[in-house]
Each structure stands twice: as structure tokens, then as C-alpha cells.
Protein backbone atom coordinates (compact mmCIF):
# COMPACT_ATOMS: atom_id res chain seq x y z
CA MET A 1 -39.75 25.26 30.07
CA LYS A 2 -38.31 27.72 27.56
CA ILE A 3 -36.01 29.21 30.21
CA GLY A 4 -34.82 25.71 31.08
CA LEU A 5 -33.97 25.00 27.43
CA VAL A 6 -32.04 28.27 27.17
CA VAL A 7 -30.07 27.49 30.32
CA LYS A 8 -29.36 23.98 29.08
CA GLY A 9 -28.16 25.42 25.77
CA LEU A 10 -25.85 27.86 27.53
CA ILE A 11 -24.38 25.03 29.58
CA GLN A 12 -23.69 23.07 26.42
CA ILE A 13 -21.73 25.92 24.78
CA PRO A 14 -18.61 25.56 26.98
CA ARG A 15 -18.66 21.81 26.45
CA VAL A 16 -18.73 22.27 22.68
CA LEU A 17 -15.91 24.81 22.84
CA ILE A 18 -13.84 22.50 25.03
CA SER A 19 -14.39 19.66 22.56
CA ILE A 20 -13.35 21.83 19.61
CA LEU A 21 -10.25 23.09 21.41
CA THR A 22 -9.31 19.57 22.49
CA HIS A 23 -9.55 18.27 18.93
CA LEU A 24 -7.63 21.27 17.57
CA CYS A 25 -4.82 20.93 20.12
CA SER A 26 -4.51 17.21 19.48
CA CYS A 27 -4.40 17.75 15.70
CA VAL A 28 -1.75 20.46 16.03
CA PHE A 29 0.28 18.25 18.37
CA HIS A 30 0.31 15.23 16.02
CA LEU A 31 1.01 17.34 12.93
CA LYS A 32 4.02 18.98 14.58
CA VAL A 33 5.36 15.58 15.65
CA SER A 34 5.09 14.52 11.99
CA LEU A 35 6.82 17.75 10.93
CA TRP A 36 9.85 17.28 13.18
CA GLY A 37 9.96 13.59 12.32
CA ASN A 38 11.09 14.83 8.91
CA LYS A 39 14.45 15.76 10.45
CA CYS A 40 15.41 12.04 10.30
CA ASP A 41 16.66 11.83 6.73
CA LEU A 42 19.51 9.64 5.52
CA SER A 43 19.88 11.76 2.38
CA ILE A 44 21.63 14.48 4.41
CA SER A 45 23.70 12.18 6.61
CA GLY A 46 25.68 10.31 3.98
CA GLY A 47 24.14 7.05 5.19
CA GLN A 48 25.39 7.61 8.74
CA ASP A 49 23.10 7.02 11.70
CA ASN A 50 20.46 9.75 11.79
CA SER A 51 17.97 8.23 14.20
CA GLN A 52 15.81 10.15 16.66
CA LYS A 53 17.82 10.16 19.88
CA THR A 54 15.75 12.66 21.88
CA SER A 55 12.04 12.89 22.58
CA VAL A 56 10.22 14.96 19.97
CA LEU A 57 7.30 15.20 22.38
CA SER A 58 9.31 16.97 25.06
CA SER A 59 10.92 19.29 22.48
CA LEU A 60 7.79 20.55 20.68
CA GLU A 61 7.55 23.76 22.69
CA ASP A 62 11.25 24.51 22.07
CA PHE A 63 10.81 23.84 18.32
CA LYS A 64 7.85 26.22 18.06
CA ALA A 65 10.10 29.23 17.40
CA PHE A 66 11.65 27.48 14.38
CA ILE A 67 8.41 27.05 12.42
CA LEU A 68 8.65 29.74 9.75
CA VAL A 69 5.18 29.20 8.26
CA ASP A 70 2.31 27.77 10.31
CA ASP A 71 -0.97 27.55 8.40
CA MET A 72 -2.67 25.28 10.91
CA ASN A 73 -5.80 27.43 11.01
CA SER A 74 -6.41 26.85 7.30
CA LEU A 75 -5.98 23.11 7.78
CA TRP A 76 -8.37 23.11 10.71
CA ASN A 77 -11.08 24.77 8.60
CA ILE A 78 -10.98 21.75 6.30
CA LEU A 79 -10.47 18.97 8.83
CA SER A 80 -13.10 20.22 11.28
CA ARG A 81 -15.88 19.71 8.73
CA ASN A 82 -16.11 16.07 9.76
CA ARG A 83 -15.56 16.66 13.48
CA ASP A 84 -19.18 16.07 14.49
CA GLY A 85 -18.89 12.44 13.40
CA ASN A 86 -21.75 12.68 10.90
CA THR A 87 -21.80 9.28 9.19
CA GLU A 88 -22.99 10.92 5.97
CA SER A 89 -19.93 13.15 5.85
CA ARG A 90 -16.78 11.86 4.19
CA THR A 91 -13.39 13.51 4.55
CA ARG A 92 -10.46 12.07 2.67
CA VAL A 93 -6.91 13.04 3.57
CA ASP A 94 -3.91 12.03 1.46
CA ILE A 95 -0.29 11.89 2.63
CA VAL A 96 2.48 11.85 0.03
CA LEU A 97 5.20 10.13 2.02
CA ASP A 98 8.87 10.96 2.38
CA ASN A 99 11.19 8.95 4.64
CA ALA A 100 10.76 5.46 6.03
CA GLY A 101 11.82 4.83 9.62
CA PHE A 102 10.96 7.24 12.42
CA GLU A 103 9.22 9.75 10.13
CA LEU A 104 6.92 7.09 8.70
CA VAL A 105 5.87 6.09 12.22
CA THR A 106 4.99 9.72 12.99
CA ASP A 107 2.95 9.83 9.76
CA PHE A 108 1.09 6.69 10.87
CA VAL A 109 0.36 8.29 14.24
CA LEU A 110 -0.92 11.45 12.54
CA ALA A 111 -3.17 9.43 10.23
CA ASP A 112 -4.48 7.38 13.15
CA ALA A 113 -5.19 10.52 15.16
CA MET A 114 -7.16 12.11 12.32
CA LEU A 115 -9.41 9.06 12.18
CA SER A 116 -9.78 8.83 15.96
CA LEU A 117 -10.64 12.54 16.23
CA ASN A 118 -13.22 12.27 13.42
CA LEU A 119 -11.22 14.74 11.36
CA ALA A 120 -10.98 12.26 8.49
CA THR A 121 -12.89 9.14 7.49
CA GLU A 122 -10.15 7.75 5.27
CA VAL A 123 -6.43 8.35 4.80
CA HIS A 124 -4.62 7.53 1.56
CA PHE A 125 -0.85 7.11 1.57
CA HIS A 126 1.32 7.58 -1.52
CA GLY A 127 4.73 5.91 -1.70
CA LYS A 128 7.35 5.36 -4.35
CA VAL A 129 7.73 2.35 -6.63
CA MET A 130 11.48 2.71 -6.07
CA PRO A 131 13.43 5.19 -3.93
CA TRP A 132 14.68 8.51 -5.25
CA TYR A 133 16.76 8.95 -2.09
CA VAL A 134 17.96 6.03 0.02
CA SER A 135 15.37 6.43 2.78
CA ASP A 136 12.29 7.07 0.62
CA THR A 137 9.24 5.02 1.60
CA THR A 138 8.21 2.10 -0.62
CA LYS A 139 5.45 -0.49 -0.16
CA ARG A 140 7.96 -2.83 1.42
CA ASP A 141 8.89 -0.18 4.02
CA PHE A 142 5.24 0.56 4.67
CA ASP A 143 4.30 -3.07 5.30
CA TRP A 144 7.51 -3.84 7.21
CA THR A 145 6.95 -0.97 9.63
CA ILE A 146 3.48 -2.22 10.57
CA GLN A 147 4.73 -5.78 10.96
CA GLN A 148 7.57 -4.62 13.20
CA CYS A 149 5.15 -2.73 15.41
CA LEU A 150 2.92 -5.81 15.65
CA ALA A 151 5.83 -8.02 16.67
CA ILE A 152 7.54 -5.67 19.14
CA ASN A 153 7.54 -6.56 22.82
CA ASN A 154 5.71 -3.41 23.87
CA LYS A 155 2.01 -3.35 24.66
CA TRP A 156 1.28 0.04 23.14
CA MET A 157 3.40 -0.29 20.00
CA SER A 158 1.88 -3.72 19.36
CA LYS A 159 -1.58 -2.25 19.83
CA CYS A 160 -0.74 0.49 17.31
CA GLY A 161 0.42 -2.13 14.81
CA GLN A 162 -2.84 -4.03 15.22
CA THR A 163 -4.91 -0.87 14.78
CA TRP A 164 -2.99 0.14 11.68
CA LYS A 165 -3.37 -3.33 10.18
CA GLU A 166 -7.12 -3.15 10.82
CA ASN A 167 -7.27 0.29 9.22
CA LEU A 168 -5.83 -1.17 6.02
CA LYS A 169 -8.11 -4.20 6.13
CA LYS A 170 -11.24 -2.07 6.57
CA GLY A 171 -10.25 0.50 3.94
CA ARG A 172 -9.80 3.37 6.37
CA TRP A 173 -6.16 3.43 5.23
CA VAL A 174 -5.30 2.93 1.56
CA TYR A 175 -1.81 2.64 0.09
CA HIS A 176 -1.01 3.82 -3.45
CA GLU A 177 2.20 3.71 -5.45
CA HIS A 178 2.91 5.39 -8.76
CA LEU A 179 6.02 5.65 -10.90
CA PHE A 180 5.49 9.41 -11.29
CA TRP A 181 6.81 10.03 -7.77
CA THR A 182 10.26 8.78 -8.85
CA LEU A 183 10.31 10.41 -12.28
CA PRO A 184 12.12 13.76 -12.82
CA HIS A 185 8.96 15.77 -13.50
CA GLU A 186 7.80 18.88 -11.69
CA PHE A 187 4.38 18.37 -10.15
CA CYS A 188 2.86 21.08 -12.36
CA THR A 189 3.18 18.58 -15.24
CA MET A 190 1.31 15.80 -13.42
CA ALA A 191 -2.05 16.46 -15.09
CA GLU A 192 -0.39 15.88 -18.46
CA VAL A 193 2.23 13.24 -17.62
CA ALA A 194 0.22 11.20 -15.11
CA PRO A 195 -3.45 12.17 -15.47
CA ASP A 196 -4.59 9.09 -13.54
CA LEU A 197 -2.61 10.20 -10.47
CA TYR A 198 -3.80 13.80 -10.76
CA THR A 199 -7.40 12.58 -10.95
CA GLU A 200 -6.83 10.45 -7.85
CA LEU A 201 -5.52 13.43 -5.88
CA GLN A 202 -8.55 15.48 -6.98
CA LYS A 203 -10.69 13.12 -4.90
CA SER A 204 -8.98 14.32 -1.72
CA ASP A 205 -10.18 17.01 0.68
CA LEU A 206 -6.59 17.70 1.77
CA VAL A 207 -3.21 16.45 0.55
CA PHE A 208 -0.12 16.56 2.76
CA PHE A 209 3.24 16.57 0.99
CA LYS A 210 6.02 15.48 3.32
CA GLY A 211 9.63 16.53 3.01
CA ASP A 212 12.04 18.41 0.78
CA LEU A 213 11.97 16.42 -2.44
CA ASN A 214 8.22 16.90 -2.69
CA TYR A 215 8.62 20.62 -1.94
CA ARG A 216 11.28 20.99 -4.60
CA LYS A 217 9.00 19.34 -7.16
CA LEU A 218 6.00 21.37 -6.00
CA THR A 219 7.89 24.62 -6.58
CA GLY A 220 9.91 23.45 -9.59
CA ASP A 221 13.16 23.70 -7.58
CA ARG A 222 13.45 27.31 -8.71
CA LYS A 223 15.21 30.16 -6.94
CA TRP A 224 12.03 32.01 -6.04
CA ASP A 225 12.01 35.18 -3.99
CA PHE A 226 11.26 34.27 -0.38
CA THR A 227 7.99 36.25 -0.38
CA VAL A 228 6.44 34.68 -3.51
CA PRO A 229 3.10 33.14 -2.48
CA PHE A 230 3.12 29.36 -2.24
CA SER A 231 0.08 29.03 -4.52
CA GLN A 232 1.90 31.06 -7.21
CA ALA A 233 5.00 28.87 -6.98
CA LEU A 234 2.81 25.79 -7.54
CA ARG A 235 1.86 27.23 -10.93
CA SER A 236 -0.74 24.87 -12.48
CA PHE A 237 -0.62 22.21 -9.75
CA HIS A 238 -3.85 22.58 -7.79
CA PRO A 239 -5.58 19.17 -7.65
CA ALA A 240 -6.96 19.80 -4.14
CA PRO A 241 -6.18 21.86 -1.04
CA LEU A 242 -2.63 20.89 -0.14
CA CYS A 243 -0.06 21.41 2.55
CA SER A 244 3.71 21.02 2.62
CA VAL A 245 5.09 19.66 5.89
CA ARG A 246 8.90 19.81 5.87
CA THR A 247 12.02 20.70 7.74
CA LEU A 248 14.22 22.79 5.47
CA LYS A 249 17.04 20.80 3.84
CA ALA A 250 17.08 22.33 0.35
CA ASP A 251 17.73 25.88 -0.80
CA VAL A 252 14.21 26.74 -1.94
CA GLN A 253 11.55 28.45 0.17
CA VAL A 254 8.56 30.63 -0.64
CA GLY A 255 5.71 32.25 1.24
CA LEU A 256 7.76 33.93 3.97
CA GLN A 257 6.97 37.28 5.54
CA ALA A 258 8.99 40.15 4.10
CA GLY A 259 12.52 40.29 5.49
CA VAL A 260 12.52 36.88 7.19
CA GLY A 261 14.58 35.09 4.52
CA GLU A 262 17.06 37.93 4.26
CA ARG A 263 17.50 38.15 8.04
CA LEU A 264 18.14 34.40 8.34
CA SER A 265 20.56 34.46 5.40
CA ALA A 266 22.57 37.18 7.12
CA THR A 267 22.77 35.38 10.47
CA GLU A 268 22.68 31.66 9.57
CA THR A 269 24.20 30.79 6.21
CA ASP A 270 22.92 27.19 6.36
CA TRP A 271 19.36 27.92 7.53
CA MET A 272 17.82 26.47 4.36
CA ILE A 273 19.66 23.15 4.52
CA SER A 274 20.27 22.38 8.19
CA GLY A 275 16.86 20.90 9.08
CA LYS A 276 16.63 23.39 11.95
CA TYR A 277 13.60 25.21 10.56
CA GLY A 278 10.24 23.84 9.48
CA ILE A 279 7.04 24.83 7.70
CA ILE A 280 3.40 23.81 7.66
CA GLN A 281 2.46 25.64 4.46
CA PHE A 282 -1.03 25.53 2.95
CA SER A 283 -2.43 26.28 -0.48
CA PRO A 284 -6.16 26.14 -1.26
CA ALA A 285 -7.54 24.55 -4.40
CA VAL A 286 -7.63 27.10 -7.22
């Protein structure tokens, strides 16, 4: 009997490992789609068409070489806590949104995947009361996108719209808006300027900050040395573990390996503003 239990246990080990790897690969896949969705930004196109004309899915492997910081392992350590589906375990993920349009759809897909994979039990979205840049997500954009998916003549997009509507109805998705996101304050002042928002973010297990404007406010838009640690550049802003997900379109970047920034500056003068490179950059709660 004991030998049988041991054998059964050994058989289960590969299954568990396969399950973990499957969840990890799926999470990485959806996060990278959300990352490269950030390339669609009207603020760098002068209002000209900047839609996604090629398949991000088929380009992910090609884009891999352009991710300068990839802290996916740190994210997985947090998200995998809820992977076993324990009903007593609660994992809240927050997403501070950037662009409406294609990027917002990729954020929805990421949020949906985290729920489906039991990596999160609730996802909170944060949008702007009014846009800072023309394509910034507001409540109207958020609701309109779901309604458009519901109404589209495509079985799978319509199904997504229905699922996302149900997520909101059942409280698995929650939308927040706050004037602070459109005010000219660095995020290190949030605890003082908007203590209610800071307290709300402290409830999260992981906060994603999408895009360049959020990164500029996270780091104070300063000309940091490329190798300065991300957590140091955040200064006093540490409400929860957080992660910046952005393609580079502003001349500020920290947390690079020694020599990387200098090498890129010597070979590609526009590497910090072209949207060619991306980061998935993590900072733990301090």
C-alpha cells in the first residue's frame, strides 16, 4: 500500500509541473501581448492612424530580443500564490491604464487570463477622469470598448464582451477613476496629495502601471543614470509590489544592466522614444 502511494505521488509530480509551466507560459504570453499593445499610442503619431496592422501574436518571438528588462519571474512568485484555486485565498491585481483602443483590449485579455488561470481573484482598473494625452483611457472608453465587443459580428469577440460584462457585474473586475492620475504630481507625492488613492493601491497584491506617462511619473521624469535601481527611482512610492509595462517612448529609463544604455545610445539615437524597446520592470513593496 505504501509503495503504491509513493508511485502515485511520483506520477502526480510531472502533472503538477506541467500545470505550473502551462500557467506560467500563458501568463507570460498575455503579459507580453499587453506590453506590445502599448506601441499603439496616438500621442506619438500626431493624431495620425497608429492602429495595429500586424499580428502581435505572430511577432512575440521576434520582439523578445527588444525587451530590455524582463522581471517575469518576480511577478510569477506573486501571482502563483493563488494558482491552486483555494477559495480562501484572495489575490488582487490592479492595472493603471494607459491607452484606449487596441492596448485596452490587450489589457482586458490579460485581466481575463489572470482570472481564468486562477492567478488573481479580482482585477481593479484605474482610468483617468479626463485624458492627459488624447488616447488616455476614461470610463467612457472603458464601457464603450466592452459594448463594441458585445455588438461585433464575431462569435469570439462577442463572447469576450459578455464575459467582461459579467466580470464587472460580479465584482471580479472593478473600475476606479481619480483626478490624481491627470494632475501634474509625481507618484511619490500620492500618499500626501491623494491619500485615499494610495490607501486603495495598498490593498493590492500587485499593481501594473501601463505606458510611458505612468513611468515618467513613477520616476519623477528625471534624467537618472541607466543603472539606477527601479525601486530607488520610485523614492517614497511603494504602496504595493508594482510593475511597469511599457514600450519606450520617453527619454527616461532606469534599472538596466551596466553598459546597455550607453551601447544603445551609440548605435540607435532614438532608442528611448521609438517604441521599439520594451520593459516588464518590477519593484517589491518596501
